[in-house]
Amino acid sequence: MSSLRHENSLRRQGFRLVAGLDEAGRGPLAGPVIAGAVLLPASRKYLCFRDSKKLGSKAREEAFAYITKMDIPFGVGCAEPEEIAEINILRASLLAMQRAVANLRSLPDHLLVDGKFAVPVDIPQTLLVKGESQSASIAAASIIAKVSRDRIMADLHERFPCYNFLENKGYATREHRMLIRQYGPCTVHRATFKGVREFL
């Protein structure tokens, strides 16, 4: 289970609003990359928050609903496939995180960021590799990002049903790669990614 060890340490150093940051969707061949930012109040324990990749879809939806029900501040940021093609997936992921921070209703004074790369904002940051397994705030952000992205891909499935985004979420499954070969890429495929660019 993720803990509040890092958050509590930062609060003891004088940082009052500590936000966790994570993204979902760096690897898929289609759809946006989505980031979540979450400000967990210090007054509770958060046993339901784990890395979103280790939770089933029902558990992720329940955790997302808990965040909403408890009015826990969160922000969502998005970088579209066109932006991914223009600036590359790493920079697009950091841009999505920057936008997630901007969409929080309160500006954090410290960020706990999953990964090795700082977000381009003028806020002190702690970078944590595999942070979703260390920080409840990052784990909560991973859930926000993953659920938000899955819902976007469900909406895109309605527009482009031939690619079965409802099931593959844009990832490079065998079926999805076959469908790209069969129908060609659509406007939400990532033009610079191997598995897509060959068919443009």
N, C-alpha and C. Protein backbone atom coordinates (compact mmCIF):
# COMPACT_ATOMS: atom_id res chain seq x y z
N MET A 1 0.83 -1.19 0.00
CA MET A 1 0.00 0.00 0.00
C MET A 1 0.88 1.26 0.00
N SER A 2 0.42 2.27 -0.70
CA SER A 2 1.10 3.56 -0.67
C SER A 2 0.86 4.24 0.67
N SER A 3 1.77 5.14 1.04
CA SER A 3 1.66 5.78 2.34
C SER A 3 1.78 7.29 2.18
N LEU A 4 1.65 7.99 3.30
CA LEU A 4 1.81 9.44 3.33
C LEU A 4 3.17 9.83 3.92
N ARG A 5 4.14 8.91 3.87
CA ARG A 5 5.44 9.18 4.47
C ARG A 5 6.10 10.41 3.85
N HIS A 6 6.12 10.48 2.54
CA HIS A 6 6.76 11.62 1.88
C HIS A 6 5.97 12.91 2.12
N GLU A 7 4.64 12.81 2.05
CA GLU A 7 3.81 13.98 2.28
C GLU A 7 4.02 14.53 3.69
N ASN A 8 4.03 13.64 4.68
CA ASN A 8 4.18 14.09 6.07
C ASN A 8 5.57 14.69 6.31
N SER A 9 6.59 14.11 5.69
CA SER A 9 7.94 14.66 5.82
C SER A 9 8.00 16.08 5.25
N LEU A 10 7.38 16.29 4.11
CA LEU A 10 7.37 17.62 3.51
C LEU A 10 6.58 18.61 4.35
N ARG A 11 5.49 18.16 4.95
CA ARG A 11 4.70 19.06 5.81
C ARG A 11 5.50 19.46 7.04
N ARG A 12 6.29 18.55 7.55
CA ARG A 12 7.14 18.90 8.70
C ARG A 12 8.21 19.94 8.31
N GLN A 13 8.54 19.98 7.02
CA GLN A 13 9.49 20.97 6.54
C GLN A 13 8.83 22.32 6.23
N GLY A 14 7.50 22.38 6.40
CA GLY A 14 6.81 23.64 6.19
C GLY A 14 5.99 23.74 4.93
N PHE A 15 5.96 22.69 4.12
CA PHE A 15 5.13 22.70 2.91
C PHE A 15 3.70 22.28 3.29
N ARG A 16 2.76 23.15 3.04
CA ARG A 16 1.38 22.93 3.51
C ARG A 16 0.54 22.15 2.50
N LEU A 17 0.66 22.48 1.22
CA LEU A 17 -0.15 21.85 0.18
C LEU A 17 0.75 21.02 -0.73
N VAL A 18 0.74 19.71 -0.52
CA VAL A 18 1.60 18.80 -1.28
C VAL A 18 0.72 18.01 -2.25
N ALA A 19 1.01 18.14 -3.52
CA ALA A 19 0.21 17.45 -4.55
C ALA A 19 1.00 16.30 -5.15
N GLY A 20 0.32 15.18 -5.37
CA GLY A 20 0.89 14.07 -6.11
C GLY A 20 0.55 14.19 -7.58
N LEU A 21 1.48 13.76 -8.44
CA LEU A 21 1.30 13.86 -9.89
C LEU A 21 1.67 12.55 -10.55
N ASP A 22 0.84 12.12 -11.49
CA ASP A 22 1.15 10.94 -12.30
C ASP A 22 0.41 11.06 -13.62
N GLU A 23 0.83 10.23 -14.59
CA GLU A 23 0.18 10.26 -15.90
C GLU A 23 -0.28 8.86 -16.29
N ALA A 24 -1.14 8.82 -17.29
CA ALA A 24 -1.58 7.55 -17.88
C ALA A 24 -1.60 7.70 -19.39
N GLY A 25 -1.12 6.68 -20.07
CA GLY A 25 -1.24 6.68 -21.52
C GLY A 25 -0.01 7.10 -22.28
N ARG A 26 1.18 6.86 -21.74
CA ARG A 26 2.40 7.18 -22.52
C ARG A 26 2.62 6.18 -23.64
N GLY A 27 2.23 4.93 -23.43
CA GLY A 27 2.56 3.88 -24.38
C GLY A 27 1.60 3.63 -25.53
N PRO A 28 0.32 3.97 -25.42
CA PRO A 28 -0.64 3.60 -26.47
C PRO A 28 -0.33 4.19 -27.84
N LEU A 29 -0.94 3.61 -28.84
CA LEU A 29 -0.82 4.09 -30.21
C LEU A 29 -1.86 5.14 -30.55
N ALA A 30 -2.85 5.31 -29.68
CA ALA A 30 -3.93 6.25 -29.96
C ALA A 30 -4.40 6.93 -28.68
N GLY A 31 -4.99 8.11 -28.87
CA GLY A 31 -5.57 8.84 -27.75
C GLY A 31 -4.58 9.75 -27.06
N PRO A 32 -5.06 10.58 -26.16
CA PRO A 32 -4.22 11.54 -25.46
C PRO A 32 -3.43 10.89 -24.34
N VAL A 33 -2.43 11.61 -23.85
CA VAL A 33 -1.81 11.27 -22.57
C VAL A 33 -2.47 12.16 -21.53
N ILE A 34 -2.85 11.57 -20.40
CA ILE A 34 -3.62 12.26 -19.36
C ILE A 34 -2.83 12.25 -18.06
N ALA A 35 -2.84 13.35 -17.36
CA ALA A 35 -2.18 13.45 -16.05
C ALA A 35 -3.20 13.79 -14.98
N GLY A 36 -2.94 13.31 -13.79
CA GLY A 36 -3.74 13.66 -12.62
C GLY A 36 -2.87 14.33 -11.57
N ALA A 37 -3.47 15.28 -10.86
CA ALA A 37 -2.82 15.93 -9.72
C ALA A 37 -3.81 15.87 -8.56
N VAL A 38 -3.34 15.45 -7.39
CA VAL A 38 -4.24 15.27 -6.24
C VAL A 38 -3.60 15.88 -4.99
N LEU A 39 -4.41 16.64 -4.26
CA LEU A 39 -4.02 17.21 -2.97
C LEU A 39 -4.75 16.45 -1.87
N LEU A 40 -4.08 15.49 -1.25
CA LEU A 40 -4.72 14.72 -0.18
C LEU A 40 -4.62 15.46 1.13
N PRO A 41 -5.75 15.73 1.80
CA PRO A 41 -5.68 16.31 3.15
C PRO A 41 -4.90 15.39 4.08
N ALA A 42 -4.20 15.99 5.03
CA ALA A 42 -3.34 15.21 5.93
C ALA A 42 -4.11 14.51 7.03
N SER A 43 -5.39 14.80 7.16
CA SER A 43 -6.13 14.36 8.34
C SER A 43 -6.71 12.96 8.22
N ARG A 44 -6.50 12.28 7.09
CA ARG A 44 -7.09 10.95 6.93
C ARG A 44 -6.03 9.95 6.50
N LYS A 45 -6.40 8.66 6.63
CA LYS A 45 -5.60 7.59 6.04
C LYS A 45 -6.26 7.18 4.73
N TYR A 46 -5.46 6.77 3.78
CA TYR A 46 -5.98 6.47 2.45
C TYR A 46 -5.56 5.06 2.03
N LEU A 47 -6.22 4.09 2.63
CA LEU A 47 -5.85 2.71 2.37
C LEU A 47 -6.30 2.24 1.00
N CYS A 48 -7.22 2.97 0.35
CA CYS A 48 -7.74 2.52 -0.94
C CYS A 48 -6.85 2.92 -2.10
N PHE A 49 -5.83 3.74 -1.84
CA PHE A 49 -5.04 4.24 -2.95
C PHE A 49 -3.79 3.38 -3.17
N ARG A 50 -3.76 2.76 -4.34
CA ARG A 50 -2.61 1.99 -4.79
C ARG A 50 -2.36 2.36 -6.23
N ASP A 51 -1.23 1.95 -6.73
CA ASP A 51 -0.91 2.14 -8.14
C ASP A 51 -2.09 1.68 -8.99
N SER A 52 -2.56 2.54 -9.90
CA SER A 52 -3.75 2.22 -10.69
C SER A 52 -3.54 0.96 -11.53
N LYS A 53 -2.29 0.67 -11.91
CA LYS A 53 -2.03 -0.53 -12.71
C LYS A 53 -2.22 -1.81 -11.91
N LYS A 54 -2.25 -1.71 -10.59
CA LYS A 54 -2.44 -2.89 -9.74
C LYS A 54 -3.88 -3.05 -9.29
N LEU A 55 -4.77 -2.17 -9.77
CA LEU A 55 -6.18 -2.23 -9.43
C LEU A 55 -6.98 -2.62 -10.66
N GLY A 56 -8.06 -3.37 -10.44
CA GLY A 56 -8.99 -3.64 -11.52
C GLY A 56 -9.82 -2.40 -11.83
N SER A 57 -10.54 -2.43 -12.94
CA SER A 57 -11.31 -1.26 -13.35
C SER A 57 -12.38 -0.89 -12.32
N LYS A 58 -13.00 -1.88 -11.71
CA LYS A 58 -14.03 -1.58 -10.70
C LYS A 58 -13.40 -0.88 -9.49
N ALA A 59 -12.27 -1.38 -9.02
CA ALA A 59 -11.59 -0.77 -7.86
C ALA A 59 -11.13 0.65 -8.20
N ARG A 60 -10.65 0.86 -9.42
CA ARG A 60 -10.25 2.22 -9.82
C ARG A 60 -11.45 3.16 -9.82
N GLU A 61 -12.56 2.71 -10.36
CA GLU A 61 -13.76 3.55 -10.39
C GLU A 61 -14.24 3.86 -8.96
N GLU A 62 -14.15 2.89 -8.07
CA GLU A 62 -14.55 3.11 -6.68
C GLU A 62 -13.64 4.13 -6.00
N ALA A 63 -12.34 4.03 -6.26
CA ALA A 63 -11.40 4.99 -5.69
C ALA A 63 -11.63 6.39 -6.27
N PHE A 64 -11.90 6.46 -7.56
CA PHE A 64 -12.21 7.74 -8.20
C PHE A 64 -13.46 8.34 -7.57
N ALA A 65 -14.49 7.51 -7.36
CA ALA A 65 -15.73 7.99 -6.74
C ALA A 65 -15.49 8.47 -5.31
N TYR A 66 -14.60 7.79 -4.58
CA TYR A 66 -14.27 8.21 -3.22
C TYR A 66 -13.65 9.61 -3.22
N ILE A 67 -12.73 9.85 -4.15
CA ILE A 67 -12.10 11.17 -4.25
C ILE A 67 -13.15 12.24 -4.50
N THR A 68 -14.07 11.94 -5.39
CA THR A 68 -15.14 12.90 -5.71
C THR A 68 -16.07 13.11 -4.53
N LYS A 69 -16.49 12.02 -3.89
CA LYS A 69 -17.42 12.09 -2.77
C LYS A 69 -16.83 12.86 -1.60
N MET A 70 -15.54 12.65 -1.34
CA MET A 70 -14.89 13.31 -0.21
C MET A 70 -14.40 14.72 -0.55
N ASP A 71 -14.69 15.16 -1.76
CA ASP A 71 -14.31 16.51 -2.22
C ASP A 71 -12.81 16.74 -2.08
N ILE A 72 -12.03 15.72 -2.41
CA ILE A 72 -10.58 15.85 -2.39
C ILE A 72 -10.15 16.63 -3.64
N PRO A 73 -9.38 17.70 -3.50
CA PRO A 73 -9.01 18.50 -4.68
C PRO A 73 -8.16 17.70 -5.68
N PHE A 74 -8.59 17.72 -6.93
CA PHE A 74 -7.79 17.08 -7.98
C PHE A 74 -7.91 17.88 -9.28
N GLY A 75 -6.91 17.73 -10.10
CA GLY A 75 -6.91 18.35 -11.42
C GLY A 75 -6.53 17.32 -12.47
N VAL A 76 -7.04 17.52 -13.67
CA VAL A 76 -6.74 16.64 -14.79
C VAL A 76 -6.14 17.47 -15.91
N GLY A 77 -5.07 16.98 -16.51
CA GLY A 77 -4.44 17.64 -17.65
C GLY A 77 -4.32 16.69 -18.82
N CYS A 78 -4.36 17.23 -20.02
CA CYS A 78 -4.38 16.43 -21.23
C CYS A 78 -3.40 16.98 -22.25
N ALA A 79 -2.72 16.09 -22.97
CA ALA A 79 -1.97 16.47 -24.17
C ALA A 79 -2.48 15.59 -25.31
N GLU A 80 -2.91 16.22 -26.38
CA GLU A 80 -3.57 15.52 -27.48
C GLU A 80 -2.55 14.84 -28.40
N PRO A 81 -3.02 13.90 -29.23
CA PRO A 81 -2.10 13.21 -30.16
C PRO A 81 -1.30 14.16 -31.05
N GLU A 82 -1.90 15.28 -31.46
CA GLU A 82 -1.17 16.24 -32.29
C GLU A 82 0.00 16.85 -31.53
N GLU A 83 -0.19 17.10 -30.24
CA GLU A 83 0.88 17.65 -29.41
C GLU A 83 1.97 16.61 -29.17
N ILE A 84 1.56 15.36 -29.00
CA ILE A 84 2.52 14.28 -28.83
C ILE A 84 3.42 14.18 -30.06
N ALA A 85 2.81 14.28 -31.24
CA ALA A 85 3.59 14.21 -32.48
C ALA A 85 4.53 15.40 -32.61
N GLU A 86 4.11 16.55 -32.12
CA GLU A 86 4.91 17.77 -32.30
C GLU A 86 6.08 17.86 -31.34
N ILE A 87 5.87 17.46 -30.07
CA ILE A 87 6.90 17.72 -29.06
C ILE A 87 7.48 16.45 -28.44
N ASN A 88 7.01 15.30 -28.77
CA ASN A 88 7.36 13.95 -28.31
C ASN A 88 6.59 13.59 -27.05
N ILE A 89 6.53 12.29 -26.77
CA ILE A 89 5.65 11.79 -25.71
C ILE A 89 6.13 12.20 -24.31
N LEU A 90 7.44 12.27 -24.07
CA LEU A 90 7.92 12.68 -22.76
C LEU A 90 7.50 14.11 -22.46
N ARG A 91 7.80 15.03 -23.38
CA ARG A 91 7.45 16.43 -23.16
C ARG A 91 5.93 16.61 -23.09
N ALA A 92 5.19 15.82 -23.87
CA ALA A 92 3.72 15.90 -23.82
C ALA A 92 3.20 15.42 -22.46
N SER A 93 3.83 14.39 -21.90
CA SER A 93 3.43 13.91 -20.57
C SER A 93 3.66 14.97 -19.51
N LEU A 94 4.80 15.65 -19.59
CA LEU A 94 5.10 16.72 -18.63
C LEU A 94 4.16 17.92 -18.84
N LEU A 95 3.79 18.18 -20.11
CA LEU A 95 2.83 19.24 -20.38
C LEU A 95 1.47 18.91 -19.78
N ALA A 96 1.05 17.66 -19.90
CA ALA A 96 -0.22 17.24 -19.28
C ALA A 96 -0.17 17.41 -17.77
N MET A 97 0.98 17.09 -17.15
CA MET A 97 1.13 17.28 -15.70
C MET A 97 1.06 18.76 -15.35
N GLN A 98 1.72 19.60 -16.14
CA GLN A 98 1.66 21.04 -15.91
C GLN A 98 0.21 21.52 -15.95
N ARG A 99 -0.57 21.03 -16.88
CA ARG A 99 -1.97 21.42 -17.00
C ARG A 99 -2.80 20.88 -15.85
N ALA A 100 -2.48 19.68 -15.37
CA ALA A 100 -3.19 19.13 -14.22
C ALA A 100 -2.98 19.99 -12.98
N VAL A 101 -1.75 20.44 -12.76
CA VAL A 101 -1.46 21.33 -11.64
C VAL A 101 -2.26 22.63 -11.78
N ALA A 102 -2.29 23.18 -12.99
CA ALA A 102 -3.02 24.43 -13.23
C ALA A 102 -4.51 24.27 -12.98
N ASN A 103 -5.03 23.04 -13.10
CA ASN A 103 -6.45 22.78 -12.92
C ASN A 103 -6.84 22.44 -11.48
N LEU A 104 -5.86 22.41 -10.57
CA LEU A 104 -6.19 22.27 -9.14
C LEU A 104 -6.83 23.57 -8.65
N ARG A 105 -7.76 23.45 -7.72
CA ARG A 105 -8.42 24.67 -7.24
C ARG A 105 -7.55 25.45 -6.26
N SER A 106 -6.51 24.82 -5.72
CA SER A 106 -5.53 25.50 -4.87
C SER A 106 -4.14 25.19 -5.42
N LEU A 107 -3.28 26.19 -5.47
CA LEU A 107 -1.93 25.99 -6.00
C LEU A 107 -1.07 25.29 -4.95
N PRO A 108 -0.47 24.15 -5.29
CA PRO A 108 0.38 23.46 -4.31
C PRO A 108 1.67 24.24 -4.05
N ASP A 109 2.28 23.99 -2.90
CA ASP A 109 3.60 24.57 -2.66
C ASP A 109 4.72 23.53 -2.75
N HIS A 110 4.36 22.26 -3.04
CA HIS A 110 5.35 21.22 -3.34
C HIS A 110 4.65 20.13 -4.15
N LEU A 111 5.41 19.54 -5.08
CA LEU A 111 4.89 18.46 -5.92
C LEU A 111 5.67 17.18 -5.67
N LEU A 112 4.94 16.08 -5.57
CA LEU A 112 5.53 14.74 -5.58
C LEU A 112 5.23 14.16 -6.96
N VAL A 113 6.27 13.97 -7.75
CA VAL A 113 6.10 13.62 -9.16
C VAL A 113 6.58 12.19 -9.40
N ASP A 114 5.74 11.39 -10.03
CA ASP A 114 6.16 10.04 -10.40
C ASP A 114 7.15 10.12 -11.56
N GLY A 115 8.30 9.50 -11.41
CA GLY A 115 9.25 9.44 -12.49
C GLY A 115 10.53 10.21 -12.22
N LYS A 116 11.31 10.42 -13.29
CA LYS A 116 12.65 11.01 -13.19
C LYS A 116 12.73 12.43 -13.73
N PHE A 117 11.62 12.97 -14.21
CA PHE A 117 11.66 14.26 -14.89
C PHE A 117 10.77 15.28 -14.21
N ALA A 118 11.30 16.48 -14.02
CA ALA A 118 10.56 17.55 -13.35
C ALA A 118 9.49 18.13 -14.29
N VAL A 119 8.42 18.58 -13.69
CA VAL A 119 7.33 19.24 -14.41
C VAL A 119 7.72 20.71 -14.62
N PRO A 120 7.45 21.28 -15.80
CA PRO A 120 7.85 22.67 -16.07
C PRO A 120 6.95 23.69 -15.38
N VAL A 121 7.02 23.72 -14.05
CA VAL A 121 6.32 24.72 -13.24
C VAL A 121 7.26 25.22 -12.17
N ASP A 122 7.04 26.43 -11.71
CA ASP A 122 7.92 27.05 -10.72
C ASP A 122 7.45 26.70 -9.32
N ILE A 123 7.48 25.39 -9.01
CA ILE A 123 7.08 24.87 -7.70
C ILE A 123 8.11 23.83 -7.29
N PRO A 124 8.58 23.83 -6.04
CA PRO A 124 9.53 22.80 -5.60
C PRO A 124 8.96 21.40 -5.84
N GLN A 125 9.84 20.47 -6.23
CA GLN A 125 9.39 19.14 -6.59
C GLN A 125 10.30 18.06 -6.02
N THR A 126 9.69 16.93 -5.68
CA THR A 126 10.41 15.72 -5.34
C THR A 126 10.05 14.67 -6.37
N LEU A 127 11.07 14.11 -7.04
CA LEU A 127 10.85 13.10 -8.08
C LEU A 127 11.02 11.72 -7.47
N LEU A 128 10.03 10.86 -7.69
CA LEU A 128 10.04 9.52 -7.11
C LEU A 128 9.83 8.48 -8.21
N VAL A 129 10.86 7.71 -8.50
CA VAL A 129 10.70 6.61 -9.44
C VAL A 129 9.80 5.56 -8.79
N LYS A 130 8.82 5.07 -9.54
CA LYS A 130 7.78 4.17 -9.02
C LYS A 130 7.09 4.82 -7.82
N GLY A 131 6.83 6.11 -7.97
CA GLY A 131 6.24 6.88 -6.87
C GLY A 131 4.87 6.42 -6.46
N GLU A 132 4.11 5.79 -7.38
CA GLU A 132 2.76 5.35 -7.05
C GLU A 132 2.76 4.25 -5.99
N SER A 133 3.90 3.56 -5.82
CA SER A 133 3.99 2.55 -4.77
C SER A 133 4.56 3.11 -3.47
N GLN A 134 4.95 4.40 -3.47
CA GLN A 134 5.53 5.03 -2.29
C GLN A 134 4.65 6.11 -1.68
N SER A 135 3.86 6.76 -2.52
CA SER A 135 3.11 7.95 -2.09
C SER A 135 1.63 7.78 -2.38
N ALA A 136 0.79 7.95 -1.35
CA ALA A 136 -0.65 7.86 -1.55
C ALA A 136 -1.15 8.95 -2.48
N SER A 137 -0.51 10.13 -2.45
CA SER A 137 -0.93 11.22 -3.33
C SER A 137 -0.66 10.88 -4.79
N ILE A 138 0.51 10.30 -5.07
CA ILE A 138 0.82 9.89 -6.44
C ILE A 138 -0.09 8.74 -6.87
N ALA A 139 -0.33 7.79 -5.96
CA ALA A 139 -1.24 6.69 -6.29
C ALA A 139 -2.63 7.21 -6.63
N ALA A 140 -3.12 8.17 -5.85
CA ALA A 140 -4.43 8.77 -6.14
C ALA A 140 -4.41 9.48 -7.48
N ALA A 141 -3.30 10.17 -7.79
CA ALA A 141 -3.18 10.85 -9.08
C ALA A 141 -3.17 9.85 -10.22
N SER A 142 -2.55 8.69 -10.01
CA SER A 142 -2.52 7.67 -11.06
C SER A 142 -3.93 7.14 -11.34
N ILE A 143 -4.74 7.05 -10.28
CA ILE A 143 -6.13 6.59 -10.44
C ILE A 143 -6.94 7.64 -11.20
N ILE A 144 -6.78 8.91 -10.83
CA ILE A 144 -7.48 9.99 -11.54
C ILE A 144 -7.11 9.97 -13.02
N ALA A 145 -5.82 9.85 -13.31
CA ALA A 145 -5.36 9.87 -14.70
C ALA A 145 -5.89 8.67 -15.48
N LYS A 146 -5.79 7.49 -14.89
CA LYS A 146 -6.19 6.27 -15.59
C LYS A 146 -7.69 6.24 -15.85
N VAL A 147 -8.50 6.55 -14.84
CA VAL A 147 -9.95 6.53 -15.03
C VAL A 147 -10.37 7.59 -16.03
N SER A 148 -9.79 8.77 -15.93
CA SER A 148 -10.12 9.85 -16.87
C SER A 148 -9.79 9.43 -18.30
N ARG A 149 -8.62 8.82 -18.48
CA ARG A 149 -8.24 8.41 -19.83
C ARG A 149 -9.12 7.29 -20.36
N ASP A 150 -9.44 6.32 -19.51
CA ASP A 150 -10.32 5.23 -19.94
C ASP A 150 -11.67 5.76 -20.40
N ARG A 151 -12.19 6.77 -19.71
CA ARG A 151 -13.47 7.36 -20.11
C ARG A 151 -13.35 8.08 -21.45
N ILE A 152 -12.23 8.75 -21.66
CA ILE A 152 -12.01 9.42 -22.95
C ILE A 152 -11.95 8.38 -24.07
N MET A 153 -11.26 7.27 -23.82
CA MET A 153 -11.16 6.25 -24.85
C MET A 153 -12.51 5.59 -25.12
N ALA A 154 -13.37 5.49 -24.11
CA ALA A 154 -14.72 4.98 -24.33
C ALA A 154 -15.51 5.93 -25.23
N ASP A 155 -15.33 7.22 -25.02
CA ASP A 155 -15.98 8.21 -25.89
C ASP A 155 -15.43 8.11 -27.32
N LEU A 156 -14.12 7.93 -27.45
CA LEU A 156 -13.52 7.81 -28.79
C LEU A 156 -13.99 6.54 -29.49
N HIS A 157 -14.30 5.51 -28.71
CA HIS A 157 -14.84 4.27 -29.30
C HIS A 157 -16.16 4.55 -30.01
N GLU A 158 -16.96 5.46 -29.46
CA GLU A 158 -18.23 5.81 -30.10
C GLU A 158 -17.99 6.47 -31.45
N ARG A 159 -16.92 7.25 -31.56
CA ARG A 159 -16.60 7.93 -32.82
C ARG A 159 -15.89 7.01 -33.81
N PHE A 160 -15.07 6.11 -33.29
CA PHE A 160 -14.25 5.25 -34.16
C PHE A 160 -14.40 3.78 -33.72
N PRO A 161 -15.60 3.21 -33.86
CA PRO A 161 -15.83 1.86 -33.31
C PRO A 161 -14.99 0.77 -33.96
N CYS A 162 -14.49 1.00 -35.16
CA CYS A 162 -13.76 -0.07 -35.85
C CYS A 162 -12.44 -0.42 -35.19
N TYR A 163 -11.94 0.44 -34.30
CA TYR A 163 -10.65 0.16 -33.64
C TYR A 163 -10.80 -0.49 -32.26
N ASN A 164 -12.03 -0.62 -31.78
CA ASN A 164 -12.30 -1.26 -30.49
C ASN A 164 -11.56 -0.60 -29.33
N PHE A 165 -11.55 0.74 -29.32
CA PHE A 165 -10.89 1.47 -28.23
C PHE A 165 -11.50 1.15 -26.86
N LEU A 166 -12.76 0.72 -26.84
CA LEU A 166 -13.40 0.39 -25.56
C LEU A 166 -12.64 -0.71 -24.84
N GLU A 167 -12.10 -1.66 -25.61
CA GLU A 167 -11.38 -2.78 -25.02
C GLU A 167 -9.88 -2.51 -24.94
N ASN A 168 -9.28 -2.02 -26.03
CA ASN A 168 -7.81 -1.91 -26.04
C ASN A 168 -7.29 -0.59 -25.50
N LYS A 169 -8.18 0.40 -25.31
CA LYS A 169 -7.81 1.72 -24.76
C LYS A 169 -6.69 2.39 -25.57
N GLY A 170 -6.54 1.97 -26.83
CA GLY A 170 -5.51 2.57 -27.68
C GLY A 170 -4.16 1.89 -27.59
N TYR A 171 -4.00 0.91 -26.70
CA TYR A 171 -2.72 0.24 -26.55
C TYR A 171 -2.43 -0.67 -27.76
N ALA A 172 -1.19 -1.05 -27.90
CA ALA A 172 -0.74 -1.80 -29.08
C ALA A 172 -1.01 -3.29 -28.93
N THR A 173 -2.26 -3.65 -28.71
CA THR A 173 -2.63 -5.06 -28.67
C THR A 173 -2.54 -5.65 -30.08
N ARG A 174 -2.50 -6.96 -30.15
CA ARG A 174 -2.44 -7.61 -31.46
C ARG A 174 -3.65 -7.21 -32.30
N GLU A 175 -4.84 -7.21 -31.68
CA GLU A 175 -6.05 -6.85 -32.41
C GLU A 175 -5.99 -5.41 -32.90
N HIS A 176 -5.55 -4.49 -32.04
CA HIS A 176 -5.50 -3.08 -32.43
C HIS A 176 -4.52 -2.89 -33.60
N ARG A 177 -3.37 -3.51 -33.54
CA ARG A 177 -2.40 -3.38 -34.62
C ARG A 177 -2.96 -3.94 -35.93
N MET A 178 -3.72 -5.03 -35.83
CA MET A 178 -4.35 -5.60 -37.01
C MET A 178 -5.39 -4.65 -37.59
N LEU A 179 -6.16 -3.99 -36.72
CA LEU A 179 -7.19 -3.07 -37.18
C LEU A 179 -6.59 -1.83 -37.83
N ILE A 180 -5.44 -1.37 -37.32
CA ILE A 180 -4.75 -0.25 -37.97
C ILE A 180 -4.31 -0.65 -39.38
N ARG A 181 -3.78 -1.87 -39.50
CA ARG A 181 -3.39 -2.34 -40.84
C ARG A 181 -4.60 -2.43 -41.77
N GLN A 182 -5.73 -2.86 -41.20
CA GLN A 182 -6.93 -3.06 -42.02
C GLN A 182 -7.57 -1.75 -42.45
N TYR A 183 -7.73 -0.80 -41.50
CA TYR A 183 -8.48 0.42 -41.77
C TYR A 183 -7.60 1.65 -41.95
N GLY A 184 -6.32 1.54 -41.61
CA GLY A 184 -5.46 2.71 -41.59
C GLY A 184 -5.68 3.50 -40.32
N PRO A 185 -4.75 4.39 -39.96
CA PRO A 185 -4.90 5.20 -38.75
C PRO A 185 -6.02 6.23 -38.89
N CYS A 186 -6.57 6.65 -37.75
CA CYS A 186 -7.55 7.73 -37.72
C CYS A 186 -6.91 8.97 -37.08
N THR A 187 -7.70 9.99 -36.90
CA THR A 187 -7.16 11.28 -36.43
C THR A 187 -6.66 11.24 -34.99
N VAL A 188 -7.04 10.24 -34.21
CA VAL A 188 -6.57 10.19 -32.82
C VAL A 188 -5.42 9.21 -32.64
N HIS A 189 -4.94 8.62 -33.73
CA HIS A 189 -3.74 7.80 -33.63
C HIS A 189 -2.51 8.70 -33.58
N ARG A 190 -1.45 8.21 -32.97
CA ARG A 190 -0.22 8.99 -32.77
C ARG A 190 0.70 8.79 -33.96
N ALA A 191 0.77 9.82 -34.78
CA ALA A 191 1.39 9.71 -36.10
C ALA A 191 2.86 9.34 -36.06
N THR A 192 3.57 9.65 -34.99
CA THR A 192 5.01 9.39 -34.94
C THR A 192 5.35 8.05 -34.30
N PHE A 193 4.36 7.32 -33.82
CA PHE A 193 4.62 6.06 -33.12
C PHE A 193 4.76 4.91 -34.11
N LYS A 194 5.73 4.04 -33.84
CA LYS A 194 5.86 2.81 -34.62
C LYS A 194 4.58 2.00 -34.47
N GLY A 195 4.07 1.49 -35.56
CA GLY A 195 2.79 0.81 -35.55
C GLY A 195 1.69 1.68 -36.10
N VAL A 196 1.98 2.98 -36.22
CA VAL A 196 1.04 3.93 -36.83
C VAL A 196 1.67 4.60 -38.04
N ARG A 197 2.89 5.11 -37.87
CA ARG A 197 3.50 5.92 -38.92
C ARG A 197 3.71 5.15 -40.22
N GLU A 198 3.88 3.80 -40.11
CA GLU A 198 4.07 3.01 -41.32
C GLU A 198 2.86 3.00 -42.22
N PHE A 199 1.68 3.32 -41.64
CA PHE A 199 0.44 3.22 -42.40
C PHE A 199 -0.15 4.56 -42.80
N LEU A 200 0.60 5.63 -42.58
CA LEU A 200 0.14 6.96 -42.97
C LEU A 200 0.48 7.25 -44.44
